[in-house]
Amino acid sequence: GLAHAVEWITIDGDSLLRPDPPPEQLCLAAALPEDRRSVARLLAWKHAYPPTDEDREARLLSFSFVAFALERQPAATFREWLLLLSHAEPATLRSLEAEWSAWLDQVTGECRPGP
C-alpha cells in the first residue's frame, strides 16, 4: 500500500501527501464490498506472481488503508508519518478497521461518476 500511495497520491511542497481529490484507485477500493475490508487479511497478505485477482484487490485495499492512515495524521510529513506507521502494533492497526471502512464509504461519495 505504501508504494502505491507514493505513486498515486500527490506530495505537496510541504512533503505532505494529499489524497484530495481521491485518485481513481481509491475510488476503486471504496467500491469493493464492505466484507472484503479486513485489516487482518491485509497484514497477512503476501504478493503472488503472477498477480491474482486477490492481489489486485489487496493492493487497492492496502493503498486505501495507507491513504486513510495519512488523513488521520495530516500534519505529519511523509517521513514522520512513515515512522509512525512502521512502528504501529498490528493490534492497533486492526482496531482501526471499522473507522477505515466508514472512511471508505465517505470516499465513495467524493468519487466522480464514470463516463
Protein backbone atom coordinates (compact mmCIF):
# COMPACT_ATOMS: atom_id res chain seq x y z
CA GLY A 1 0.00 0.00 0.00
CA LEU A 2 2.81 2.39 0.81
CA ALA A 3 4.45 2.16 -2.62
CA HIS A 4 1.10 2.80 -4.29
CA ALA A 5 0.45 5.77 -2.01
CA VAL A 6 3.67 7.37 -3.20
CA GLU A 7 2.78 6.56 -6.79
CA TRP A 8 -0.91 7.56 -6.74
CA ILE A 9 -1.11 10.46 -4.25
CA THR A 10 0.35 13.92 -4.80
CA ILE A 11 3.15 15.02 -2.46
CA ASP A 12 2.90 18.78 -2.00
CA GLY A 13 5.68 21.31 -1.36
CA ASP A 14 5.48 20.69 2.39
CA SER A 15 6.28 16.97 1.91
CA LEU A 16 2.69 16.06 2.77
CA LEU A 17 0.66 13.51 0.84
CA ARG A 18 -2.71 14.90 -0.22
CA PRO A 19 -5.31 12.29 -1.29
CA ASP A 20 -7.78 15.01 -2.28
CA PRO A 21 -9.40 14.71 -4.72
CA PRO A 22 -9.36 10.94 -4.35
CA PRO A 23 -7.35 9.18 -7.07
CA GLU A 24 -9.13 6.61 -9.23
CA GLN A 25 -7.53 3.73 -7.32
CA LEU A 26 -9.02 4.98 -4.06
CA CYS A 27 -12.44 5.11 -5.69
CA LEU A 28 -11.98 1.53 -6.92
CA ALA A 29 -11.07 0.41 -3.40
CA ALA A 30 -14.09 2.22 -1.94
CA ALA A 31 -16.35 0.41 -4.41
CA LEU A 32 -15.25 -3.03 -3.17
CA PRO A 33 -17.72 -4.86 -0.91
CA GLU A 34 -17.52 -4.00 2.77
CA ASP A 35 -16.97 -7.64 3.73
CA ARG A 36 -13.59 -7.53 1.89
CA ARG A 37 -12.26 -4.73 4.13
CA SER A 38 -10.16 -6.71 6.60
CA VAL A 39 -7.02 -5.24 8.13
CA ALA A 40 -6.05 -8.69 9.44
CA ARG A 41 -6.27 -10.06 5.90
CA LEU A 42 -4.11 -7.21 4.60
CA LEU A 43 -1.49 -7.75 7.30
CA ALA A 44 -1.31 -11.46 6.40
CA TRP A 45 -1.39 -10.95 2.62
CA LYS A 46 1.60 -12.00 0.50
CA HIS A 47 2.04 -11.00 -3.16
CA ALA A 48 1.65 -13.74 -5.73
CA TYR A 49 3.44 -13.88 -9.03
CA PRO A 50 1.88 -13.56 -11.44
CA PRO A 51 -0.65 -11.34 -9.65
CA THR A 52 -4.06 -12.82 -8.98
CA ASP A 53 -7.42 -11.08 -8.67
CA GLU A 54 -6.97 -11.30 -4.90
CA ASP A 55 -3.62 -9.48 -5.23
CA ARG A 56 -5.20 -6.69 -7.25
CA GLU A 57 -7.94 -6.27 -4.66
CA ALA A 58 -5.46 -6.42 -1.76
CA ARG A 59 -3.26 -3.78 -3.41
CA LEU A 60 -6.23 -1.42 -3.74
CA LEU A 61 -7.34 -2.04 -0.17
CA SER A 62 -3.86 -1.74 1.31
CA PHE A 63 -3.38 1.51 -0.58
CA SER A 64 -6.73 2.75 0.76
CA PHE A 65 -5.68 1.88 4.31
CA VAL A 66 -2.45 3.82 3.86
CA ALA A 67 -4.40 6.82 2.49
CA PHE A 68 -6.79 6.57 5.46
CA ALA A 69 -3.88 6.47 7.90
CA LEU A 70 -2.34 9.51 6.20
CA GLU A 71 -5.51 11.51 6.70
CA ARG A 72 -5.51 10.62 10.40
CA GLN A 73 -2.10 12.35 10.74
CA PRO A 74 -2.44 15.30 8.33
CA ALA A 75 0.26 17.46 9.95
CA ALA A 76 2.98 14.83 9.69
CA THR A 77 5.49 14.99 6.88
CA PHE A 78 5.74 11.83 4.82
CA ARG A 79 8.90 10.78 6.70
CA GLU A 80 7.30 11.40 10.12
CA TRP A 81 4.17 9.59 9.06
CA LEU A 82 6.16 6.63 7.73
CA LEU A 83 7.91 6.26 11.08
CA LEU A 84 4.58 6.36 12.93
CA LEU A 85 3.03 3.74 10.67
CA SER A 86 6.05 1.44 10.67
CA HIS A 87 6.06 1.35 14.49
CA ALA A 88 2.32 0.74 14.87
CA GLU A 89 1.37 -2.52 16.51
CA PRO A 90 -0.75 -4.90 14.38
CA ALA A 91 -3.47 -4.82 17.06
CA THR A 92 -3.57 -1.03 16.81
CA LEU A 93 -3.93 -1.23 13.04
CA ARG A 94 -6.67 -3.88 13.32
CA SER A 95 -8.54 -1.67 15.79
CA LEU A 96 -8.92 0.95 13.02
CA GLU A 97 -10.85 -1.37 10.69
CA ALA A 98 -14.37 0.00 11.36
CA GLU A 99 -13.15 3.60 11.11
CA TRP A 100 -11.31 2.80 7.86
CA SER A 101 -14.39 1.13 6.39
CA ALA A 102 -16.55 4.15 7.29
CA TRP A 103 -13.91 6.42 5.73
CA LEU A 104 -14.05 4.37 2.52
CA ASP A 105 -17.84 4.76 2.46
CA GLN A 106 -17.34 8.53 2.69
CA VAL A 107 -14.77 8.44 -0.14
CA THR A 108 -17.34 6.75 -2.37
CA GLY A 109 -19.44 9.93 -2.26
CA GLU A 110 -16.45 12.04 -3.34
CA CYS A 111 -15.63 9.94 -6.40
CA ARG A 112 -16.63 11.23 -9.78
CA PRO A 113 -19.03 9.03 -11.72
CA GLY A 114 -17.62 7.24 -14.75
CA PRO A 115 -18.14 8.38 -18.35
